[in-house]
Amino acid sequence: MQPFREQRPTNALTPGALLLMFFGVVLALQDVQWQLVSMASFHAGVSLTAVALCIHLCRRHRAWRLELLVLVMLGVLLTLAPLLPPPFQDFFEYLTP
């Protein structure tokens, strides 16, 4: 039997941020009426990822690598957006006005 593991609030930051970004993308694919909610969810997820990265760096937690990877991947995608096919460009414009 495993010993009891204390659940800290910071352990929920990364999965929560990834879920917010995922729901933002899913809502963006649904309908135009969900545009504001999808943008808010996506940006909240990105902001929460940045906050989690700072907290985990200060506490020297391993999760900072995953959060940094997510933010770098998003940055690369947004940087390369003009080179992507038009449907992807429209999708990024929909998420990030």
PDB file of N, CA and C in Angstrom:
ATOM      1  N   MET A   1       0.835  -1.169   0.000  1.00  0.00           N
ATOM      2  CA  MET A   1       0.000   0.000   0.000  1.00  0.00           C
ATOM      3  C   MET A   1       0.892   1.249   0.000  1.00  0.00           C
ATOM      4  N   GLN A   2       0.531   2.198  -0.847  1.00  0.00           N
ATOM      5  CA  GLN A   2       1.327   3.416  -0.940  1.00  0.00           C
ATOM      6  C   GLN A   2       1.057   4.323   0.248  1.00  0.00           C
ATOM      7  N   PRO A   3       2.080   5.042   0.684  1.00  0.00           N
ATOM      8  CA  PRO A   3       1.853   5.993   1.771  1.00  0.00           C
ATOM      9  C   PRO A   3       0.959   7.133   1.290  1.00  0.00           C
ATOM     10  N   PHE A   4       0.315   7.764   2.230  1.00  0.00           N
ATOM     11  CA  PHE A   4      -0.582   8.879   1.923  1.00  0.00           C
ATOM     12  C   PHE A   4       0.211  10.016   1.303  1.00  0.00           C
ATOM     13  N   ARG A   5      -0.275  10.500   0.163  1.00  0.00           N
ATOM     14  CA  ARG A   5       0.368  11.619  -0.516  1.00  0.00           C
ATOM     15  C   ARG A   5      -0.445  12.876  -0.305  1.00  0.00           C
ATOM     16  N   GLU A   6       0.201  13.890   0.168  1.00  0.00           N
ATOM     17  CA  GLU A   6      -0.501  15.152   0.398  1.00  0.00           C
ATOM     18  C   GLU A   6      -0.792  15.819  -0.941  1.00  0.00           C
ATOM     19  N   GLN A   7      -2.024  16.220  -1.135  1.00  0.00           N
ATOM     20  CA  GLN A   7      -2.404  16.920  -2.357  1.00  0.00           C
ATOM     21  C   GLN A   7      -2.315  18.421  -2.111  1.00  0.00           C
ATOM     22  N   ARG A   8      -1.403  19.061  -2.777  1.00  0.00           N
ATOM     23  CA  ARG A   8      -1.255  20.503  -2.649  1.00  0.00           C
ATOM     24  C   ARG A   8      -2.033  21.182  -3.766  1.00  0.00           C
ATOM     25  N   PRO A   9      -2.479  22.417  -3.543  1.00  0.00           N
ATOM     26  CA  PRO A   9      -3.211  23.124  -4.592  1.00  0.00           C
ATOM     27  C   PRO A   9      -2.380  23.324  -5.853  1.00  0.00           C
ATOM     28  N   THR A  10      -1.053  23.423  -5.723  1.00  0.00           N
ATOM     29  CA  THR A  10      -0.233  23.649  -6.912  1.00  0.00           C
ATOM     30  C   THR A  10      -0.187  22.418  -7.806  1.00  0.00           C
ATOM     31  N   ASN A  11      -0.481  21.234  -7.250  1.00  0.00           N
ATOM     32  CA  ASN A  11      -0.480  20.032  -8.078  1.00  0.00           C
ATOM     33  C   ASN A  11      -1.626  20.041  -9.078  1.00  0.00           C
ATOM     34  N   ALA A  12      -2.661  20.826  -8.817  1.00  0.00           N
ATOM     35  CA  ALA A  12      -3.817  20.884  -9.706  1.00  0.00           C
ATOM     36  C   ALA A  12      -3.684  21.983 -10.753  1.00  0.00           C
ATOM     37  N   LEU A  13      -2.655  22.811 -10.662  1.00  0.00           N
ATOM     38  CA  LEU A  13      -2.522  23.930 -11.595  1.00  0.00           C
ATOM     39  C   LEU A  13      -2.305  23.471 -13.030  1.00  0.00           C
ATOM     40  N   THR A  14      -1.383  22.568 -13.243  1.00  0.00           N
ATOM     41  CA  THR A  14      -1.059  22.141 -14.608  1.00  0.00           C
ATOM     42  C   THR A  14      -2.225  21.430 -15.279  1.00  0.00           C
ATOM     43  N   PRO A  15      -2.824  20.405 -14.654  1.00  0.00           N
ATOM     44  CA  PRO A  15      -3.973  19.771 -15.317  1.00  0.00           C
ATOM     45  C   PRO A  15      -5.140  20.736 -15.512  1.00  0.00           C
ATOM     46  N   GLY A  16      -5.354  21.631 -14.552  1.00  0.00           N
ATOM     47  CA  GLY A  16      -6.430  22.612 -14.698  1.00  0.00           C
ATOM     48  C   GLY A  16      -6.187  23.558 -15.859  1.00  0.00           C
ATOM     49  N   ALA A  17      -4.950  24.005 -16.005  1.00  0.00           N
ATOM     50  CA  ALA A  17      -4.610  24.904 -17.108  1.00  0.00           C
ATOM     51  C   ALA A  17      -4.756  24.200 -18.452  1.00  0.00           C
ATOM     52  N   LEU A  18      -4.299  22.962 -18.529  1.00  0.00           N
ATOM     53  CA  LEU A  18      -4.418  22.218 -19.784  1.00  0.00           C
ATOM     54  C   LEU A  18      -5.879  21.950 -20.130  1.00  0.00           C
ATOM     55  N   LEU A  19      -6.699  21.679 -19.124  1.00  0.00           N
ATOM     56  CA  LEU A  19      -8.131  21.477 -19.376  1.00  0.00           C
ATOM     57  C   LEU A  19      -8.795  22.761 -19.863  1.00  0.00           C
ATOM     58  N   LEU A  20      -8.442  23.899 -19.273  1.00  0.00           N
ATOM     59  CA  LEU A  20      -9.008  25.165 -19.734  1.00  0.00           C
ATOM     60  C   LEU A  20      -8.649  25.436 -21.192  1.00  0.00           C
ATOM     61  N   MET A  21      -7.386  25.195 -21.562  1.00  0.00           N
ATOM     62  CA  MET A  21      -6.989  25.401 -22.958  1.00  0.00           C
ATOM     63  C   MET A  21      -7.709  24.425 -23.881  1.00  0.00           C
ATOM     64  N   PHE A  22      -7.831  23.170 -23.450  1.00  0.00           N
ATOM     65  CA  PHE A  22      -8.515  22.159 -24.257  1.00  0.00           C
ATOM     66  C   PHE A  22      -9.979  22.542 -24.476  1.00  0.00           C
ATOM     67  N   PHE A  23     -10.676  22.955 -23.413  1.00  0.00           N
ATOM     68  CA  PHE A  23     -12.073  23.343 -23.551  1.00  0.00           C
ATOM     69  C   PHE A  23     -12.214  24.591 -24.416  1.00  0.00           C
ATOM     70  N   GLY A  24     -11.253  25.503 -24.340  1.00  0.00           N
ATOM     71  CA  GLY A  24     -11.287  26.671 -25.211  1.00  0.00           C
ATOM     72  C   GLY A  24     -11.191  26.293 -26.671  1.00  0.00           C
ATOM     73  N   VAL A  25     -10.316  25.342 -26.986  1.00  0.00           N
ATOM     74  CA  VAL A  25     -10.171  24.885 -28.376  1.00  0.00           C
ATOM     75  C   VAL A  25     -11.427  24.144 -28.824  1.00  0.00           C
ATOM     76  N   VAL A  26     -11.968  23.287 -27.964  1.00  0.00           N
ATOM     77  CA  VAL A  26     -13.173  22.524 -28.322  1.00  0.00           C
ATOM     78  C   VAL A  26     -14.351  23.461 -28.546  1.00  0.00           C
ATOM     79  N   LEU A  27     -14.523  24.450 -27.676  1.00  0.00           N
ATOM     80  CA  LEU A  27     -15.619  25.401 -27.855  1.00  0.00           C
ATOM     81  C   LEU A  27     -15.431  26.246 -29.104  1.00  0.00           C
ATOM     82  N   ALA A  28     -14.195  26.530 -29.472  1.00  0.00           N
ATOM     83  CA  ALA A  28     -13.945  27.301 -30.690  1.00  0.00           C
ATOM     84  C   ALA A  28     -14.385  26.531 -31.925  1.00  0.00           C
ATOM     85  N   LEU A  29     -14.370  25.219 -31.849  1.00  0.00           N
ATOM     86  CA  LEU A  29     -14.788  24.402 -32.987  1.00  0.00           C
ATOM     87  C   LEU A  29     -16.306  24.235 -33.061  1.00  0.00           C
ATOM     88  N   GLN A  30     -17.036  24.609 -32.017  1.00  0.00           N
ATOM     89  CA  GLN A  30     -18.476  24.371 -31.960  1.00  0.00           C
ATOM     90  C   GLN A  30     -19.268  25.363 -32.798  1.00  0.00           C
ATOM     91  N   ASP A  31     -19.355  26.583 -32.351  1.00  0.00           N
ATOM     92  CA  ASP A  31     -20.220  27.555 -33.007  1.00  0.00           C
ATOM     93  C   ASP A  31     -19.720  28.953 -32.680  1.00  0.00           C
ATOM     94  N   VAL A  32     -20.147  29.921 -33.475  1.00  0.00           N
ATOM     95  CA  VAL A  32     -19.706  31.298 -33.284  1.00  0.00           C
ATOM     96  C   VAL A  32     -20.211  31.857 -31.957  1.00  0.00           C
ATOM     97  N   GLN A  33     -21.358  31.384 -31.478  1.00  0.00           N
ATOM     98  CA  GLN A  33     -21.914  31.927 -30.236  1.00  0.00           C
ATOM     99  C   GLN A  33     -21.024  31.641 -29.030  1.00  0.00           C
ATOM    100  N   TRP A  34     -20.106  30.689 -29.157  1.00  0.00           N
ATOM    101  CA  TRP A  34     -19.211  30.337 -28.055  1.00  0.00           C
ATOM    102  C   TRP A  34     -17.858  31.039 -28.156  1.00  0.00           C
ATOM    103  N   GLN A  35     -17.713  32.001 -29.067  1.00  0.00           N
ATOM    104  CA  GLN A  35     -16.407  32.610 -29.297  1.00  0.00           C
ATOM    105  C   GLN A  35     -15.850  33.288 -28.046  1.00  0.00           C
ATOM    106  N   LEU A  36     -16.658  34.060 -27.360  1.00  0.00           N
ATOM    107  CA  LEU A  36     -16.166  34.772 -26.181  1.00  0.00           C
ATOM    108  C   LEU A  36     -15.775  33.800 -25.072  1.00  0.00           C
ATOM    109  N   VAL A  37     -16.585  32.766 -24.873  1.00  0.00           N
ATOM    110  CA  VAL A  37     -16.283  31.772 -23.843  1.00  0.00           C
ATOM    111  C   VAL A  37     -15.019  30.997 -24.203  1.00  0.00           C
ATOM    112  N   SER A  38     -14.869  30.638 -25.479  1.00  0.00           N
ATOM    113  CA  SER A  38     -13.685  29.875 -25.886  1.00  0.00           C
ATOM    114  C   SER A  38     -12.419  30.711 -25.756  1.00  0.00           C
ATOM    115  N   MET A  39     -12.490  31.996 -26.134  1.00  0.00           N
ATOM    116  CA  MET A  39     -11.318  32.860 -25.984  1.00  0.00           C
ATOM    117  C   MET A  39     -10.962  33.030 -24.515  1.00  0.00           C
ATOM    118  N   ALA A  40     -11.971  33.237 -23.678  1.00  0.00           N
ATOM    119  CA  ALA A  40     -11.715  33.420 -22.245  1.00  0.00           C
ATOM    120  C   ALA A  40     -11.122  32.159 -21.631  1.00  0.00           C
ATOM    121  N   SER A  41     -11.652  31.008 -22.006  1.00  0.00           N
ATOM    122  CA  SER A  41     -11.141  29.746 -21.465  1.00  0.00           C
ATOM    123  C   SER A  41      -9.705  29.501 -21.920  1.00  0.00           C
ATOM    124  N   PHE A  42      -9.440  29.725 -23.195  1.00  0.00           N
ATOM    125  CA  PHE A  42      -8.097  29.500 -23.729  1.00  0.00           C
ATOM    126  C   PHE A  42      -7.085  30.429 -23.067  1.00  0.00           C
ATOM    127  N   HIS A  43      -7.420  31.713 -22.969  1.00  0.00           N
ATOM    128  CA  HIS A  43      -6.488  32.669 -22.370  1.00  0.00           C
ATOM    129  C   HIS A  43      -6.320  32.439 -20.871  1.00  0.00           C
ATOM    130  N   ALA A  44      -7.376  31.999 -20.205  1.00  0.00           N
ATOM    131  CA  ALA A  44      -7.252  31.661 -18.785  1.00  0.00           C
ATOM    132  C   ALA A  44      -6.316  30.469 -18.610  1.00  0.00           C
ATOM    133  N   GLY A  45      -6.407  29.497 -19.514  1.00  0.00           N
ATOM    134  CA  GLY A  45      -5.508  28.343 -19.451  1.00  0.00           C
ATOM    135  C   GLY A  45      -4.061  28.730 -19.679  1.00  0.00           C
ATOM    136  N   VAL A  46      -3.827  29.611 -20.638  1.00  0.00           N
ATOM    137  CA  VAL A  46      -2.456  30.069 -20.904  1.00  0.00           C
ATOM    138  C   VAL A  46      -1.924  30.858 -19.708  1.00  0.00           C
ATOM    139  N   SER A  47      -2.758  31.730 -19.146  1.00  0.00           N
ATOM    140  CA  SER A  47      -2.334  32.509 -17.974  1.00  0.00           C
ATOM    141  C   SER A  47      -2.066  31.610 -16.777  1.00  0.00           C
ATOM    142  N   LEU A  48      -2.936  30.629 -16.565  1.00  0.00           N
ATOM    143  CA  LEU A  48      -2.747  29.709 -15.448  1.00  0.00           C
ATOM    144  C   LEU A  48      -1.491  28.866 -15.639  1.00  0.00           C
ATOM    145  N   THR A  49      -1.178  28.524 -16.884  1.00  0.00           N
ATOM    146  CA  THR A  49       0.059  27.794 -17.153  1.00  0.00           C
ATOM    147  C   THR A  49       1.274  28.649 -16.804  1.00  0.00           C
ATOM    148  N   ALA A  50       1.227  29.929 -17.145  1.00  0.00           N
ATOM    149  CA  ALA A  50       2.341  30.824 -16.816  1.00  0.00           C
ATOM    150  C   ALA A  50       2.487  30.990 -15.303  1.00  0.00           C
ATOM    151  N   VAL A  51       1.369  31.116 -14.596  1.00  0.00           N
ATOM    152  CA  VAL A  51       1.418  31.230 -13.132  1.00  0.00           C
ATOM    153  C   VAL A  51       1.964  29.943 -12.521  1.00  0.00           C
ATOM    154  N   ALA A  52       1.485  28.808 -13.016  1.00  0.00           N
ATOM    155  CA  ALA A  52       1.961  27.517 -12.502  1.00  0.00           C
ATOM    156  C   ALA A  52       3.455  27.347 -12.758  1.00  0.00           C
ATOM    157  N   LEU A  53       3.918  27.813 -13.922  1.00  0.00           N
ATOM    158  CA  LEU A  53       5.345  27.733 -14.232  1.00  0.00           C
ATOM    159  C   LEU A  53       6.154  28.514 -13.204  1.00  0.00           C
ATOM    160  N   CYS A  54       5.718  29.727 -12.881  1.00  0.00           N
ATOM    161  CA  CYS A  54       6.440  30.533 -11.886  1.00  0.00           C
ATOM    162  C   CYS A  54       6.425  29.874 -10.510  1.00  0.00           C
ATOM    163  N   ILE A  55       5.268  29.368 -10.103  1.00  0.00           N
ATOM    164  CA  ILE A  55       5.168  28.733  -8.782  1.00  0.00           C
ATOM    165  C   ILE A  55       6.035  27.486  -8.720  1.00  0.00           C
ATOM    166  N   HIS A  56       5.975  26.667  -9.757  1.00  0.00           N
ATOM    167  CA  HIS A  56       6.747  25.425  -9.740  1.00  0.00           C
ATOM    168  C   HIS A  56       8.250  25.682  -9.859  1.00  0.00           C
ATOM    169  N   LEU A  57       8.640  26.751 -10.545  1.00  0.00           N
ATOM    170  CA  LEU A  57      10.061  27.104 -10.582  1.00  0.00           C
ATOM    171  C   LEU A  57      10.544  27.532  -9.201  1.00  0.00           C
ATOM    172  N   CYS A  58       9.730  28.325  -8.503  1.00  0.00           N
ATOM    173  CA  CYS A  58      10.115  28.770  -7.153  1.00  0.00           C
ATOM    174  C   CYS A  58      10.222  27.600  -6.184  1.00  0.00           C
ATOM    175  N   ARG A  59       9.346  26.634  -6.332  1.00  0.00           N
ATOM    176  CA  ARG A  59       9.351  25.485  -5.415  1.00  0.00           C
ATOM    177  C   ARG A  59      10.206  24.329  -5.919  1.00  0.00           C
ATOM    178  N   ARG A  60      10.834  24.517  -7.067  1.00  0.00           N
ATOM    179  CA  ARG A  60      11.692  23.492  -7.679  1.00  0.00           C
ATOM    180  C   ARG A  60      10.942  22.174  -7.889  1.00  0.00           C
ATOM    181  N   HIS A  61       9.728  22.293  -8.403  1.00  0.00           N
ATOM    182  CA  HIS A  61       8.887  21.127  -8.694  1.00  0.00           C
ATOM    183  C   HIS A  61       9.151  20.700 -10.134  1.00  0.00           C
ATOM    184  N   ARG A  62       9.035  19.400 -10.407  1.00  0.00           N
ATOM    185  CA  ARG A  62       9.330  18.887 -11.751  1.00  0.00           C
ATOM    186  C   ARG A  62       8.352  19.360 -12.815  1.00  0.00           C
ATOM    187  N   ALA A  63       7.157  19.774 -12.429  1.00  0.00           N
ATOM    188  CA  ALA A  63       6.116  20.111 -13.403  1.00  0.00           C
ATOM    189  C   ALA A  63       6.468  21.329 -14.252  1.00  0.00           C
ATOM    190  N   TRP A  64       7.457  22.115 -13.851  1.00  0.00           N
ATOM    191  CA  TRP A  64       7.777  23.309 -14.626  1.00  0.00           C
ATOM    192  C   TRP A  64       8.226  22.961 -16.038  1.00  0.00           C
ATOM    193  N   ARG A  65       8.796  21.783 -16.226  1.00  0.00           N
ATOM    194  CA  ARG A  65       9.249  21.393 -17.572  1.00  0.00           C
ATOM    195  C   ARG A  65       8.071  21.232 -18.522  1.00  0.00           C
ATOM    196  N   LEU A  66       7.006  20.595 -18.044  1.00  0.00           N
ATOM    197  CA  LEU A  66       5.809  20.407 -18.862  1.00  0.00           C
ATOM    198  C   LEU A  66       5.165  21.749 -19.188  1.00  0.00           C
ATOM    199  N   GLU A  67       5.072  22.619 -18.207  1.00  0.00           N
ATOM    200  CA  GLU A  67       4.453  23.921 -18.432  1.00  0.00           C
ATOM    201  C   GLU A  67       5.270  24.760 -19.403  1.00  0.00           C
ATOM    202  N   LEU A  68       6.584  24.718 -19.268  1.00  0.00           N
ATOM    203  CA  LEU A  68       7.434  25.451 -20.201  1.00  0.00           C
ATOM    204  C   LEU A  68       7.288  24.891 -21.609  1.00  0.00           C
ATOM    205  N   LEU A  69       7.210  23.581 -21.732  1.00  0.00           N
ATOM    206  CA  LEU A  69       7.020  22.948 -23.039  1.00  0.00           C
ATOM    207  C   LEU A  69       5.709  23.392 -23.677  1.00  0.00           C
ATOM    208  N   VAL A  70       4.635  23.438 -22.901  1.00  0.00           N
ATOM    209  CA  VAL A  70       3.335  23.867 -23.426  1.00  0.00           C
ATOM    210  C   VAL A  70       3.403  25.312 -23.908  1.00  0.00           C
ATOM    211  N   LEU A  71       3.998  26.196 -23.112  1.00  0.00           N
ATOM    212  CA  LEU A  71       4.086  27.603 -23.506  1.00  0.00           C
ATOM    213  C   LEU A  71       4.982  27.798 -24.727  1.00  0.00           C
ATOM    214  N   VAL A  72       6.074  27.050 -24.812  1.00  0.00           N
ATOM    215  CA  VAL A  72       6.958  27.151 -25.984  1.00  0.00           C
ATOM    216  C   VAL A  72       6.241  26.650 -27.235  1.00  0.00           C
ATOM    217  N   MET A  73       5.509  25.535 -27.107  1.00  0.00           N
ATOM    218  CA  MET A  73       4.773  25.010 -28.267  1.00  0.00           C
ATOM    219  C   MET A  73       3.719  26.006 -28.745  1.00  0.00           C
ATOM    220  N   LEU A  74       3.005  26.637 -27.814  1.00  0.00           N
ATOM    221  CA  LEU A  74       2.022  27.650 -28.206  1.00  0.00           C
ATOM    222  C   LEU A  74       2.700  28.840 -28.874  1.00  0.00           C
ATOM    223  N   GLY A  75       3.839  29.253 -28.338  1.00  0.00           N
ATOM    224  CA  GLY A  75       4.572  30.356 -28.948  1.00  0.00           C
ATOM    225  C   GLY A  75       5.048  30.039 -30.352  1.00  0.00           C
ATOM    226  N   VAL A  76       5.536  28.825 -30.551  1.00  0.00           N
ATOM    227  CA  VAL A  76       5.986  28.413 -31.890  1.00  0.00           C
ATOM    228  C   VAL A  76       4.807  28.363 -32.858  1.00  0.00           C
ATOM    229  N   LEU A  77       3.673  27.819 -32.397  1.00  0.00           N
ATOM    230  CA  LEU A  77       2.493  27.762 -33.266  1.00  0.00           C
ATOM    231  C   LEU A  77       2.020  29.154 -33.662  1.00  0.00           C
ATOM    232  N   LEU A  78       1.994  30.074 -32.706  1.00  0.00           N
ATOM    233  CA  LEU A  78       1.550  31.427 -33.028  1.00  0.00           C
ATOM    234  C   LEU A  78       2.558  32.156 -33.907  1.00  0.00           C
ATOM    235  N   THR A  79       3.840  31.860 -33.741  1.00  0.00           N
ATOM    236  CA  THR A  79       4.859  32.478 -34.589  1.00  0.00           C
ATOM    237  C   THR A  79       4.768  31.966 -36.019  1.00  0.00           C
ATOM    238  N   LEU A  80       4.500  30.672 -36.163  1.00  0.00           N
ATOM    239  CA  LEU A  80       4.426  30.068 -37.491  1.00  0.00           C
ATOM    240  C   LEU A  80       3.036  30.147 -38.109  1.00  0.00           C
ATOM    241  N   ALA A  81       2.083  30.785 -37.444  1.00  0.00           N
ATOM    242  CA  ALA A  81       0.705  30.847 -37.941  1.00  0.00           C
ATOM    243  C   ALA A  81       0.603  31.408 -39.362  1.00  0.00           C
ATOM    244  N   PRO A  82       1.362  32.447 -39.735  1.00  0.00           N
ATOM    245  CA  PRO A  82       1.246  32.942 -41.112  1.00  0.00           C
ATOM    246  C   PRO A  82       1.687  31.927 -42.168  1.00  0.00           C
ATOM    247  N   LEU A  83       2.503  30.955 -41.791  1.00  0.00           N
ATOM    248  CA  LEU A  83       2.973  29.957 -42.748  1.00  0.00           C
ATOM    249  C   LEU A  83       2.034  28.758 -42.861  1.00  0.00           C
ATOM    250  N   LEU A  84       1.069  28.655 -41.961  1.00  0.00           N
ATOM    251  CA  LEU A  84       0.144  27.526 -41.961  1.00  0.00           C
ATOM    252  C   LEU A  84      -0.950  27.730 -43.007  1.00  0.00           C
ATOM    253  N   PRO A  85      -1.656  26.662 -43.375  1.00  0.00           N
ATOM    254  CA  PRO A  85      -2.769  26.799 -44.327  1.00  0.00           C
ATOM    255  C   PRO A  85      -3.856  27.740 -43.782  1.00  0.00           C
ATOM    256  N   PRO A  86      -4.630  28.342 -44.674  1.00  0.00           N
ATOM    257  CA  PRO A  86      -5.649  29.322 -44.257  1.00  0.00           C
ATOM    258  C   PRO A  86      -6.630  28.838 -43.185  1.00  0.00           C
ATOM    259  N   PRO A  87      -7.105  27.574 -43.214  1.00  0.00           N
ATOM    260  CA  PRO A  87      -8.028  27.176 -42.131  1.00  0.00           C
ATOM    261  C   PRO A  87      -7.396  27.260 -40.742  1.00  0.00           C
ATOM    262  N   PHE A  88      -6.108  26.925 -40.632  1.00  0.00           N
ATOM    263  CA  PHE A  88      -5.423  27.025 -39.344  1.00  0.00           C
ATOM    264  C   PHE A  88      -5.226  28.483 -38.941  1.00  0.00           C
ATOM    265  N   GLN A  89      -4.938  29.339 -39.917  1.00  0.00           N
ATOM    266  CA  GLN A  89      -4.791  30.762 -39.619  1.00  0.00           C
ATOM    267  C   GLN A  89      -6.096  31.333 -39.082  1.00  0.00           C
ATOM    268  N   ASP A  90      -7.213  30.955 -39.723  1.00  0.00           N
ATOM    269  CA  ASP A  90      -8.517  31.427 -39.258  1.00  0.00           C
ATOM    270  C   ASP A  90      -8.808  30.937 -37.845  1.00  0.00           C
ATOM    271  N   PHE A  91      -8.427  29.695 -37.559  1.00  0.00           N
ATOM    272  CA  PHE A  91      -8.670  29.133 -36.237  1.00  0.00           C
ATOM    273  C   PHE A  91      -7.879  29.882 -35.169  1.00  0.00           C
ATOM    274  N   PHE A  92      -6.616  30.218 -35.468  1.00  0.00           N
ATOM    275  CA  PHE A  92      -5.810  30.967 -34.503  1.00  0.00           C
ATOM    276  C   PHE A  92      -6.346  32.379 -34.314  1.00  0.00           C
ATOM    277  N   GLU A  93      -6.836  32.994 -35.393  1.00  0.00           N
ATOM    278  CA  GLU A  93      -7.432  34.323 -35.263  1.00  0.00           C
ATOM    279  C   GLU A  93      -8.701  34.267 -34.430  1.00  0.00           C
ATOM    280  N   TYR A  94      -9.400  33.141 -34.511  1.00  0.00           N
ATOM    281  CA  TYR A  94     -10.626  32.959 -33.732  1.00  0.00           C
ATOM    282  C   TYR A  94     -10.306  32.855 -32.246  1.00  0.00           C
ATOM    283  N   LEU A  95      -9.215  32.178 -31.907  1.00  0.00           N
ATOM    284  CA  LEU A  95      -8.834  32.022 -30.500  1.00  0.00           C
ATOM    285  C   LEU A  95      -8.129  33.248 -29.944  1.00  0.00           C
ATOM    286  N   THR A  96      -7.313  33.889 -30.759  1.00  0.00           N
ATOM    287  CA  THR A  96      -6.535  35.040 -30.297  1.00  0.00           C
ATOM    288  C   THR A  96      -6.846  36.235 -31.188  1.00  0.00           C
ATOM    289  N   PRO A  97      -7.776  37.068 -30.781  1.00  0.00           N
ATOM    290  CA  PRO A  97      -8.180  38.199 -31.647  1.00  0.00           C
ATOM    291  C   PRO A  97      -7.087  39.235 -31.804  1.00  0.00           C
TER     292      PRO A  97
END
